[in-house]
Protein backbone atom coordinates (compact mmCIF):
# COMPACT_ATOMS: atom_id res chain seq x y z
CA MET A 1 -15.85 8.21 -75.48
CA LEU A 2 -13.05 10.75 -75.10
CA ASP A 3 -10.54 11.12 -77.88
CA SER A 4 -8.38 13.81 -76.30
CA LEU A 5 -7.56 15.95 -73.31
CA LEU A 6 -9.46 18.73 -75.06
CA ASP A 7 -12.62 16.60 -74.99
CA ALA A 8 -12.15 16.09 -71.25
CA CYS A 9 -11.71 19.85 -70.72
CA GLU A 10 -14.87 20.55 -72.69
CA ILE A 11 -16.91 18.11 -70.58
CA ILE A 12 -15.57 19.61 -67.35
CA LEU A 13 -16.20 23.19 -68.44
CA LYS A 14 -19.75 22.37 -69.56
CA GLU A 15 -20.44 20.69 -66.22
CA GLN A 16 -18.94 23.55 -64.20
CA GLY A 17 -20.46 26.36 -66.27
CA ASP A 18 -17.67 28.87 -65.60
CA PRO A 19 -14.11 29.54 -66.79
CA GLN A 20 -11.48 27.57 -64.87
CA THR A 21 -7.71 27.48 -64.38
CA CYS A 22 -5.49 24.79 -65.88
CA PHE A 23 -4.76 23.48 -62.40
CA TRP A 24 -8.47 23.01 -61.68
CA LEU A 25 -9.14 21.41 -65.06
CA ALA A 26 -6.28 18.94 -64.58
CA SER A 27 -7.40 18.01 -61.07
CA GLN A 28 -11.00 17.52 -62.20
CA ALA A 29 -9.98 15.42 -65.20
CA MET A 30 -8.07 13.09 -62.89
CA GLU A 31 -10.74 13.07 -60.17
CA MET A 32 -13.47 12.27 -62.69
CA LYS A 33 -11.17 9.63 -64.25
CA LEU A 34 -11.55 11.25 -67.65
CA TRP A 35 -7.86 11.83 -68.43
CA ARG A 36 -4.50 11.82 -66.67
CA ALA A 37 -2.89 15.20 -67.21
CA SER A 38 -0.82 17.75 -65.36
CA GLU A 39 -1.57 21.45 -65.19
CA ALA A 40 1.16 22.00 -67.80
CA ASP A 41 -0.39 19.37 -70.10
CA VAL A 42 -3.77 21.09 -69.92
CA ARG A 43 -2.30 24.56 -70.51
CA ASP A 44 -0.24 23.31 -73.45
CA ALA A 45 -3.16 21.48 -75.09
CA LEU A 46 -5.53 24.43 -74.72
CA ASN A 47 -2.99 27.01 -75.90
CA LYS A 48 -2.03 24.91 -78.93
CA ASP A 49 -5.68 24.43 -79.87
CA ILE A 50 -6.36 28.17 -79.58
CA GLU A 51 -3.25 29.01 -81.61
CA LYS A 52 -4.05 26.45 -84.30
CA HIS A 53 -7.76 27.16 -84.68
CA GLY A 54 -8.05 30.80 -83.56
CA LYS A 55 -11.69 31.84 -83.32
CA SER A 56 -12.75 28.38 -84.48
CA SER A 57 -11.32 26.79 -81.32
CA ARG A 58 -13.80 25.44 -78.77
CA PHE A 59 -11.83 27.30 -76.09
CA GLY A 60 -10.84 30.83 -75.19
CA ARG A 61 -8.60 32.37 -72.56
CA THR A 62 -10.05 34.86 -70.08
CA ALA A 63 -8.29 37.86 -68.59
CA ASP A 64 -7.84 35.93 -65.32
CA ASP A 65 -5.60 33.25 -66.92
CA GLU A 66 -8.54 30.88 -67.02
CA PHE A 67 -10.00 28.99 -69.94
CA ALA A 68 -13.61 28.96 -71.03
CA LEU A 69 -15.68 27.55 -73.81
CA ARG A 70 -15.68 30.03 -76.68
CA ALA A 71 -19.47 29.96 -76.74
CA TRP A 72 -19.41 31.76 -73.36
CA THR A 73 -17.15 34.62 -74.42
């Protein structure tokens, strides 16, 4: 069960195995029927999580304006 957009992003990133853009994450979340979110919603949720939790966040931003699971970086 998904509790948040962040959970959906984590599932998608684990399945894909590579960093992805907010646009791609949003489109996959909707295609997989995990969560309804726009690119801006995804970017906002990920950025807020990173700002709030810092290095404890599940996510990190790459140099290419993509997001990845922190465990990969």
